[in-house]
Amino acid sequence: MRFWLGGYTPEMEGSAPGIGGLLAGAPDDHLAGGPLAYTGGVVRPRREDENTDAAAALDPAASGSPSWLAAHPRLDVVYAALEGSAQVAAFRRAGDAELEYLGGPVSVGDTVCHVAVAPDASSLVACAWGDGSVVRVPLDAAGRPGRPVAADAASDPYGNESAAGGVGEPFAAAGAIDLAAATRALREAAGEEYAHLVPDVSSAAGGGLAHDSDSGAEEMRPKDGTTPRTAEPEPEPERTSRAHAAAFLPDGRIATTDLGFDLVRIWRDTPSGLRLEHEVVLPKGCGPRHMVVHPSGHLHVVTEFSAEVFTLARDREGRWRVVAGAAASPASSPGDTGAELAMSRDGQFLCAGLRGSNTIATLRVRGAGETVEPVALVESGVDWPRHHLVVRDTLLVAGQRSNEVVSLTLDERTGVPGRVRHRAEAPSPSCILPAR
């Protein structure tokens, strides 16, 4: 089976040669369980007459860090978010294993990190992490991008309030529990067959400081009995709009996340551009990142900073709201950051990537899709699992910092990944997209 790989190029401290190629088994296999092989850069150099921008690369190695890839719904066309050059570019298939530019790149926003294509192929929506831009780009009949139109900028719903809620409130953050006890409970729940898949997480012990439980302040008292020093409160970091992902909803509207302002923004697509309908405010500091639209119509959102999964649903008036939330795993490590969220083929499970502990959390979807609960936490097999993709009984994981892609066996009955099946070196991978 053939895949396209997004990645970071040298101007963003990566080593990818633009978009790369990956094989799992033979190119015409329908499953991804075979041996993995990286095939190198796949973009043909642009011809001089196509180079509409003097700074645009004629060499595919200088293609601006194509960190996210998305496919046209009908044509053999791939769109890349060129994070390093603040552009979106289109590529069409050229032979079996190569891509070529389809028109010139279009500028969309600083550090663009995600693109999503409309189901009817009329447009795409790009999200820029650097300046918070959400941009609609029309597509012509051949899939070529047109003139981009920026949507209204976001405003911080929390303003300058410092007491609007901590990270992950009102739902429990993964770091606010007894990790050792949670690990034991998770292993018991997993049963003997899967207990080994739960990482060994030990609770912190010892140390030269003791918490002063008699004080109302978060004061740390040295064990030697000396006078404690009260830490000066650190000022809150400045909050900045960070648009991060888009998803097309079943009712025709569009959802985008703003990681910096803790928002899911709901838009209506119009001939003149995106029109904001309303916003869903998530707990302060959680950092909504990527989304999955469930077959039930619910929207699941993984958060970067609190490593949680929130579920959104429409109310009777058609407004989206939060209906549930849970930690991605009670056994995740403090400091973990959520990355990608992917759904099993039958919609019964979600897999969330956690960078830091470098694990994959499995959550079961309950009820009519309105709640999720943690099931297991397993090693991803890579360093910094930036992206992962479910392909039937296989989970492919891109290790951005370990420069590799691995495949894990996926138990479709439980949604739990197993051990690494195959591994291939691949430079700075950040996104895996199936080729047609």
Protein backbone atom coordinates (compact mmCIF):
# COMPACT_ATOMS: atom_id res chain seq x y z
CA MET A 1 0.00 0.00 0.00
CA ARG A 2 1.34 3.42 -0.93
CA PHE A 3 1.32 6.53 1.24
CA TRP A 4 2.48 10.13 0.99
CA LEU A 5 4.48 11.52 3.90
CA GLY A 6 4.45 15.12 5.06
CA GLY A 7 7.52 16.34 6.89
CA TYR A 8 9.73 19.18 8.03
CA THR A 9 12.44 20.46 5.71
CA PRO A 10 15.73 22.10 6.77
CA GLU A 11 14.40 25.66 7.20
CA MET A 12 12.30 24.32 10.12
CA GLU A 13 15.08 22.17 11.54
CA GLY A 14 13.91 19.02 9.78
CA SER A 15 15.53 16.75 7.23
CA ALA A 16 12.67 15.78 4.91
CA PRO A 17 13.03 16.42 1.16
CA GLY A 18 9.52 17.85 0.91
CA ILE A 19 6.73 15.30 0.47
CA GLY A 20 8.03 11.74 0.68
CA GLY A 21 6.77 8.30 -0.21
CA LEU A 22 6.13 5.27 1.98
CA LEU A 23 5.27 1.68 1.09
CA ALA A 24 3.62 -0.84 3.40
CA GLY A 25 4.10 -4.11 1.60
CA ALA A 26 3.52 -4.03 -2.15
CA PRO A 27 2.17 -0.82 -3.76
CA ASP A 28 -1.12 -2.51 -4.71
CA ASP A 29 -1.73 -4.16 -1.32
CA HIS A 30 -5.05 -3.22 0.26
CA LEU A 31 -3.75 -3.63 3.82
CA ALA A 32 -0.88 -1.83 5.54
CA GLY A 33 0.57 -4.70 7.57
CA GLY A 34 3.50 -5.45 5.26
CA PRO A 35 7.13 -4.33 5.63
CA LEU A 36 7.63 -0.55 5.55
CA ALA A 37 9.96 1.21 3.11
CA TYR A 38 10.64 4.92 2.68
CA THR A 39 11.01 5.76 -1.02
CA GLY A 40 12.39 9.30 -0.80
CA GLY A 41 11.08 12.60 -2.15
CA VAL A 42 8.23 12.31 -4.62
CA VAL A 43 7.64 15.85 -5.96
CA ARG A 44 8.91 16.60 -9.46
CA PRO A 45 10.76 19.93 -9.84
CA ARG A 46 8.59 22.73 -11.17
CA ARG A 47 9.11 23.99 -14.67
CA GLU A 48 10.32 27.55 -15.09
CA ASP A 49 7.02 28.63 -16.64
CA GLU A 50 5.13 27.36 -13.56
CA ASN A 51 7.27 29.31 -11.14
CA THR A 52 4.95 32.20 -10.41
CA ASP A 53 6.85 33.14 -7.25
CA ALA A 54 10.54 33.95 -7.54
CA ALA A 55 11.11 32.45 -4.11
CA ALA A 56 9.26 29.23 -4.92
CA ALA A 57 11.39 26.15 -5.21
CA LEU A 58 12.31 24.49 -8.47
CA ASP A 59 13.77 21.72 -6.33
CA PRO A 60 11.35 19.59 -4.27
CA ALA A 61 13.80 19.65 -1.36
CA ALA A 62 12.93 23.33 -0.76
CA SER A 63 9.18 22.95 -0.54
CA GLY A 64 8.58 24.81 2.70
CA SER A 65 7.96 22.01 5.23
CA PRO A 66 4.77 20.29 3.99
CA SER A 67 3.79 19.32 7.53
CA TRP A 68 0.15 18.40 6.77
CA LEU A 69 -1.39 16.69 3.73
CA ALA A 70 -5.01 16.34 2.63
CA ALA A 71 -6.61 14.62 -0.34
CA HIS A 72 -9.14 15.88 -2.89
CA PRO A 73 -12.38 13.88 -2.39
CA ARG A 74 -12.55 12.73 -6.03
CA LEU A 75 -9.41 13.61 -7.97
CA ASP A 76 -5.88 12.29 -7.52
CA VAL A 77 -4.80 15.61 -6.06
CA VAL A 78 -2.97 16.26 -2.78
CA TYR A 79 -2.88 19.54 -0.84
CA ALA A 80 0.01 20.45 1.44
CA ALA A 81 0.22 22.99 4.23
CA LEU A 82 3.67 24.50 3.64
CA GLU A 83 4.31 25.50 7.23
CA GLY A 84 7.71 27.01 6.53
CA SER A 85 6.56 29.29 3.70
CA ALA A 86 3.03 30.18 4.94
CA GLN A 87 1.43 28.71 1.80
CA VAL A 88 -0.84 25.95 0.57
CA ALA A 89 0.19 24.04 -2.54
CA ALA A 90 -1.65 21.54 -4.74
CA PHE A 91 -0.03 18.49 -6.35
CA ARG A 92 -1.45 16.01 -8.86
CA ARG A 93 -0.35 12.43 -9.42
CA ALA A 94 2.39 12.02 -12.01
CA GLY A 95 2.83 8.33 -12.70
CA ASP A 96 2.65 5.72 -9.97
CA ALA A 97 5.03 7.15 -7.42
CA GLU A 98 5.43 10.88 -8.06
CA LEU A 99 3.56 14.16 -7.67
CA GLU A 100 3.79 17.38 -9.67
CA TYR A 101 2.67 20.92 -8.87
CA LEU A 102 -0.88 21.87 -9.84
CA GLY A 103 -0.58 25.61 -10.30
CA GLY A 104 1.37 27.78 -7.90
CA PRO A 105 1.22 27.92 -4.09
CA VAL A 106 -1.12 30.45 -2.48
CA SER A 107 -0.31 32.44 0.66
CA VAL A 108 -2.65 31.76 3.58
CA GLY A 109 -1.06 32.61 6.94
CA ASP A 110 2.01 32.40 9.12
CA THR A 111 3.01 28.84 10.03
CA VAL A 112 0.02 27.21 8.33
CA CYS A 113 -0.31 23.75 9.88
CA HIS A 114 -3.53 22.15 8.60
CA VAL A 115 -5.81 21.97 5.57
CA ALA A 116 -9.20 20.32 5.19
CA VAL A 117 -11.00 19.89 1.87
CA ALA A 118 -14.76 20.30 1.48
CA PRO A 119 -16.66 17.08 0.65
CA ASP A 120 -17.96 18.70 -2.54
CA ALA A 121 -14.42 19.84 -3.48
CA SER A 122 -15.52 23.46 -3.82
CA SER A 123 -12.94 24.79 -1.37
CA LEU A 124 -10.44 24.04 1.33
CA VAL A 125 -9.92 25.62 4.74
CA ALA A 126 -6.41 26.33 5.98
CA CYS A 127 -5.49 27.02 9.60
CA ALA A 128 -2.35 28.94 10.54
CA TRP A 129 -0.83 28.39 13.95
CA GLY A 130 1.52 31.37 13.76
CA ASP A 131 -1.01 34.19 13.40
CA GLY A 132 -4.32 32.42 14.11
CA SER A 133 -5.61 32.82 10.55
CA VAL A 134 -8.51 30.73 9.24
CA VAL A 135 -8.58 30.99 5.46
CA ARG A 136 -10.98 29.71 2.81
CA VAL A 137 -9.41 28.85 -0.55
CA PRO A 138 -11.74 28.12 -3.52
CA LEU A 139 -10.89 25.20 -5.79
CA ASP A 140 -11.59 24.99 -9.51
CA ALA A 141 -12.85 21.90 -11.36
CA ALA A 142 -9.30 20.54 -11.67
CA GLY A 143 -8.61 21.08 -7.96
CA ARG A 144 -6.38 24.12 -8.49
CA PRO A 145 -6.42 26.65 -5.59
CA GLY A 146 -7.84 30.13 -6.18
CA ARG A 147 -7.72 33.42 -4.32
CA PRO A 148 -7.69 32.95 -0.52
CA VAL A 149 -10.13 34.83 1.73
CA ALA A 150 -9.31 35.22 5.44
CA ALA A 151 -12.10 34.80 7.99
CA ASP A 152 -12.72 36.95 11.06
CA ALA A 153 -9.98 36.77 13.68
CA ALA A 154 -10.68 35.18 17.05
CA SER A 155 -10.97 37.01 20.37
CA ASP A 156 -9.94 35.53 23.69
CA PRO A 157 -13.10 34.53 25.59
CA TYR A 158 -11.17 34.66 28.86
CA GLY A 159 -9.74 38.11 28.27
CA ASN A 160 -7.41 39.02 31.14
CA GLU A 161 -9.24 36.98 33.74
CA SER A 162 -6.83 34.90 35.76
CA ALA A 163 -9.42 32.93 37.71
CA ALA A 164 -11.44 31.57 34.80
CA GLY A 165 -10.38 27.99 35.41
CA GLY A 166 -7.22 25.91 35.33
CA VAL A 167 -5.91 23.52 32.72
CA GLY A 168 -8.47 20.89 31.92
CA GLU A 169 -11.24 22.13 34.25
CA PRO A 170 -14.01 21.17 34.80
CA PHE A 171 -12.83 17.72 33.70
CA ALA A 172 -9.95 16.03 35.49
CA ALA A 173 -6.52 16.55 33.98
CA ALA A 174 -4.31 13.50 33.67
CA GLY A 175 -1.65 14.90 35.97
CA ALA A 176 -4.03 15.50 38.93
CA ILE A 177 -4.26 11.88 40.05
CA ASP A 178 -2.27 9.11 41.72
CA LEU A 179 -0.49 7.76 38.66
CA ALA A 180 0.66 4.54 40.34
CA ALA A 181 -2.87 3.70 41.51
CA ALA A 182 -4.32 4.58 38.13
CA THR A 183 -1.79 2.35 36.41
CA ARG A 184 -2.70 -0.59 38.65
CA ALA A 185 -6.41 -0.04 38.00
CA LEU A 186 -5.87 0.22 34.26
CA ARG A 187 -3.90 -3.03 34.21
CA GLU A 188 -6.63 -4.81 36.15
CA ALA A 189 -9.25 -3.48 33.73
CA ALA A 190 -7.20 -4.55 30.72
CA GLY A 191 -6.94 -8.13 31.99
CA GLU A 192 -4.05 -10.53 31.85
CA GLU A 193 -3.90 -10.60 28.05
CA TYR A 194 -3.37 -6.82 27.68
CA ALA A 195 -1.91 -5.78 31.05
CA HIS A 196 1.61 -5.73 29.60
CA LEU A 197 0.56 -2.97 27.20
CA VAL A 198 0.12 -0.45 30.04
CA PRO A 199 3.42 1.41 30.62
CA ASP A 200 5.00 1.22 34.07
CA VAL A 201 4.36 4.67 35.55
CA SER A 202 5.77 5.18 39.06
CA SER A 203 4.55 7.93 41.35
CA ALA A 204 7.11 10.47 42.51
CA ALA A 205 8.77 9.59 45.81
CA GLY A 206 11.32 11.01 48.21
CA GLY A 207 13.05 14.30 47.54
CA GLY A 208 14.30 17.06 49.77
CA LEU A 209 11.05 19.04 49.99
CA ALA A 210 7.85 18.37 51.90
CA HIS A 211 4.46 19.95 51.20
CA ASP A 212 3.22 22.12 54.08
CA SER A 213 -0.33 20.82 54.43
CA ASP A 214 -1.08 23.24 57.29
CA SER A 215 -0.66 26.28 55.08
CA GLY A 216 -3.27 27.58 52.74
CA ALA A 217 -0.52 28.58 50.30
CA GLU A 218 1.24 26.17 47.95
CA GLU A 219 4.37 26.46 50.07
CA MET A 220 7.20 23.94 50.02
CA ARG A 221 8.92 23.40 53.40
CA PRO A 222 12.51 22.07 53.49
CA LYS A 223 12.84 18.96 55.65
CA ASP A 224 15.77 20.46 57.56
CA GLY A 225 13.38 22.82 59.37
CA THR A 226 14.74 26.07 57.93
CA THR A 227 12.43 28.97 57.20
CA PRO A 228 10.50 28.33 53.98
CA ARG A 229 10.74 30.68 51.06
CA THR A 230 7.44 31.57 49.45
CA ALA A 231 7.74 31.45 45.69
CA GLU A 232 6.78 34.57 43.79
CA PRO A 233 3.73 33.93 41.60
CA GLU A 234 4.68 33.75 37.96
CA PRO A 235 2.74 35.99 35.58
CA GLU A 236 0.42 34.22 33.18
CA PRO A 237 1.90 33.87 29.70
CA GLU A 238 0.35 36.05 27.06
CA ARG A 239 -2.45 34.27 25.23
CA THR A 240 -2.33 34.35 21.43
CA SER A 241 -4.72 33.04 18.80
CA ARG A 242 -3.42 29.74 17.35
CA ALA A 243 -5.77 28.27 14.73
CA HIS A 244 -4.83 24.62 14.37
CA ALA A 245 -7.31 22.42 12.48
CA ALA A 246 -10.57 22.36 10.52
CA ALA A 247 -13.29 19.75 10.05
CA PHE A 248 -16.35 19.71 7.79
CA LEU A 249 -19.46 18.80 9.80
CA PRO A 250 -22.40 16.65 8.68
CA ASP A 251 -24.75 19.66 8.64
CA GLY A 252 -22.55 21.51 6.12
CA ARG A 253 -20.92 23.81 8.63
CA ILE A 254 -17.21 23.90 9.45
CA ALA A 255 -15.47 23.61 12.81
CA THR A 256 -12.02 25.02 13.51
CA THR A 257 -9.93 24.82 16.65
CA ASP A 258 -8.04 27.68 18.24
CA LEU A 259 -5.39 26.17 20.46
CA GLY A 260 -4.33 29.49 21.96
CA PHE A 261 -7.80 30.80 22.87
CA ASP A 262 -9.37 27.43 23.84
CA LEU A 263 -12.09 27.69 21.22
CA VAL A 264 -13.95 25.53 18.75
CA ARG A 265 -15.35 27.98 16.20
CA ILE A 266 -18.38 27.08 14.04
CA TRP A 267 -18.58 28.59 10.55
CA ARG A 268 -20.99 28.72 7.63
CA ASP A 269 -19.46 28.62 4.14
CA THR A 270 -20.72 31.44 1.91
CA PRO A 271 -19.76 32.66 -1.59
CA SER A 272 -17.90 35.56 0.00
CA GLY A 273 -16.02 33.44 2.53
CA LEU A 274 -16.54 31.90 5.96
CA ARG A 275 -19.14 33.48 8.24
CA LEU A 276 -18.79 32.85 11.98
CA GLU A 277 -21.97 31.46 13.57
CA HIS A 278 -20.90 30.81 17.13
CA GLU A 279 -18.05 29.58 19.31
CA VAL A 280 -17.70 26.81 21.89
CA VAL A 281 -15.45 27.78 24.80
CA LEU A 282 -13.39 24.98 26.30
CA PRO A 283 -11.63 25.04 29.70
CA LYS A 284 -8.93 27.65 29.94
CA GLY A 285 -5.49 26.41 28.97
CA CYS A 286 -6.55 23.03 27.56
CA GLY A 287 -5.51 23.85 23.97
CA PRO A 288 -7.96 22.18 21.50
CA ARG A 289 -5.89 20.75 18.65
CA HIS A 290 -7.35 18.13 16.28
CA MET A 291 -10.84 16.75 15.71
CA VAL A 292 -12.68 13.64 14.54
CA VAL A 293 -16.25 13.71 13.23
CA HIS A 294 -17.96 10.57 14.53
CA PRO A 295 -20.56 8.71 12.40
CA SER A 296 -23.11 9.59 15.09
CA GLY A 297 -22.63 13.27 14.27
CA HIS A 298 -20.68 14.07 17.43
CA LEU A 299 -17.39 15.93 17.27
CA HIS A 300 -14.47 14.65 19.34
CA VAL A 301 -11.63 17.07 20.09
CA VAL A 302 -8.21 16.20 21.49
CA THR A 303 -6.47 18.90 23.50
CA GLU A 304 -2.74 19.54 23.33
CA PHE A 305 -1.95 21.01 26.74
CA SER A 306 -4.30 19.01 29.01
CA ALA A 307 -4.25 15.75 26.97
CA GLU A 308 -8.02 15.33 27.14
CA VAL A 309 -10.78 14.41 24.69
CA PHE A 310 -13.92 16.55 24.67
CA THR A 311 -17.14 15.58 22.92
CA LEU A 312 -19.34 18.23 21.28
CA ALA A 313 -22.92 17.85 20.06
CA ARG A 314 -25.66 20.06 18.60
CA ASP A 315 -28.50 21.16 20.81
CA ARG A 316 -32.10 21.66 19.66
CA GLU A 317 -31.31 25.13 18.35
CA GLY A 318 -28.42 23.79 16.26
CA ARG A 319 -25.71 25.25 18.48
CA TRP A 320 -22.73 23.08 19.29
CA ARG A 321 -21.82 22.60 22.95
CA VAL A 322 -19.62 20.38 25.13
CA VAL A 323 -21.48 17.29 26.38
CA ALA A 324 -18.61 15.26 27.86
CA GLY A 325 -14.88 15.15 28.45
CA ALA A 326 -12.27 12.75 29.77
CA ALA A 327 -8.54 12.45 30.17
CA ALA A 328 -7.03 10.62 27.21
CA SER A 329 -5.66 8.19 29.78
CA PRO A 330 -5.51 8.26 33.59
CA ALA A 331 -2.01 6.77 33.29
CA SER A 332 -0.56 9.45 31.02
CA SER A 333 2.48 11.34 32.25
CA PRO A 334 2.55 14.93 33.54
CA GLY A 335 3.63 17.19 30.71
CA ASP A 336 2.23 14.97 27.95
CA THR A 337 0.85 16.91 24.98
CA GLY A 338 -1.91 15.62 22.75
CA ALA A 339 -1.16 15.30 19.04
CA GLU A 340 -3.43 13.43 16.63
CA LEU A 341 -6.85 11.83 17.16
CA ALA A 342 -7.91 8.96 14.88
CA MET A 343 -10.99 6.73 14.79
CA SER A 344 -11.26 2.98 14.30
CA ARG A 345 -12.95 1.69 11.18
CA ASP A 346 -16.20 0.89 13.02
CA GLY A 347 -16.22 4.10 15.07
CA GLN A 348 -16.13 2.25 18.39
CA PHE A 349 -12.68 3.48 19.42
CA LEU A 350 -10.50 6.58 19.28
CA CYS A 351 -6.70 6.63 19.37
CA ALA A 352 -4.97 9.72 20.77
CA GLY A 353 -1.24 10.32 20.39
CA LEU A 354 0.59 11.64 23.46
CA ARG A 355 3.96 13.28 22.97
CA GLY A 356 6.29 13.22 25.95
CA SER A 357 5.54 9.73 27.20
CA ASN A 358 5.39 8.78 23.48
CA THR A 359 2.28 6.68 23.90
CA ILE A 360 -1.03 5.96 22.17
CA ALA A 361 -4.18 6.16 24.30
CA THR A 362 -7.23 4.14 23.28
CA LEU A 363 -10.68 5.39 24.25
CA ARG A 364 -13.99 3.59 23.77
CA VAL A 365 -16.92 5.56 22.34
CA ARG A 366 -20.01 4.96 24.47
CA GLY A 367 -23.73 5.49 24.11
CA ALA A 368 -24.76 7.12 20.85
CA GLY A 369 -21.30 8.64 20.47
CA GLU A 370 -21.73 11.23 23.20
CA THR A 371 -19.14 9.95 25.69
CA VAL A 372 -15.69 8.38 25.63
CA GLU A 373 -13.80 6.44 28.29
CA PRO A 374 -10.12 5.45 28.47
CA VAL A 375 -9.34 1.81 27.70
CA ALA A 376 -5.56 1.42 27.43
CA LEU A 377 -2.28 3.25 27.06
CA VAL A 378 0.52 1.65 25.03
CA GLU A 379 3.97 2.56 23.77
CA SER A 380 3.94 4.17 20.33
CA GLY A 381 7.32 2.75 19.33
CA VAL A 382 8.64 6.18 18.26
CA ASP A 383 9.93 9.43 19.71
CA TRP A 384 7.37 12.25 19.44
CA PRO A 385 4.34 10.57 17.78
CA ARG A 386 3.26 13.57 15.73
CA HIS A 387 0.65 11.74 13.63
CA HIS A 388 -0.93 8.32 13.33
CA LEU A 389 -3.32 6.65 10.91
CA VAL A 390 -5.67 3.68 11.32
CA VAL A 391 -5.68 1.32 8.32
CA ARG A 392 -8.03 -1.54 9.25
CA ASP A 393 -5.93 -3.78 11.54
CA THR A 394 -2.79 -1.62 11.47
CA LEU A 395 -1.82 1.64 13.15
CA LEU A 396 0.88 3.65 11.36
CA VAL A 397 2.73 6.14 13.58
CA ALA A 398 5.03 8.97 12.45
CA GLY A 399 7.90 9.62 14.87
CA GLN A 400 8.94 13.19 14.17
CA ARG A 401 12.03 13.21 16.40
CA SER A 402 13.13 9.62 15.89
CA ASN A 403 12.91 10.01 12.08
CA GLU A 404 10.88 6.89 11.45
CA VAL A 405 7.47 5.42 10.76
CA VAL A 406 6.32 2.27 12.51
CA SER A 407 3.35 -0.05 12.12
CA LEU A 408 1.57 -1.52 15.13
CA THR A 409 -0.86 -4.42 15.07
CA LEU A 410 -4.33 -3.11 15.94
CA ASP A 411 -6.82 -5.39 17.67
CA GLU A 412 -10.11 -4.38 16.08
CA ARG A 413 -12.10 -6.02 18.90
CA THR A 414 -10.57 -3.88 21.64
CA GLY A 415 -9.12 -0.92 19.72
CA VAL A 416 -5.78 -1.49 21.48
CA PRO A 417 -2.53 -1.37 19.45
CA GLY A 418 0.03 -4.11 20.01
CA ARG A 419 3.78 -4.14 19.64
CA VAL A 420 5.73 -2.73 16.69
CA ARG A 421 5.38 -4.93 13.64
CA HIS A 422 7.58 -3.06 11.13
CA ARG A 423 9.78 0.01 11.17
CA ALA A 424 11.28 2.25 8.47
CA GLU A 425 13.60 5.24 8.65
CA ALA A 426 11.91 8.39 7.33
CA PRO A 427 13.17 11.97 7.76
CA SER A 428 11.17 14.23 10.12
CA PRO A 429 7.73 12.72 9.33
CA SER A 430 4.69 14.69 10.46
CA CYS A 431 1.72 13.36 8.45
CA ILE A 432 0.74 10.09 6.73
CA LEU A 433 -1.79 10.18 3.87
CA PRO A 434 -2.95 7.16 1.85
CA ALA A 435 -2.33 7.46 -1.89
CA ARG A 436 -5.17 6.53 -4.20
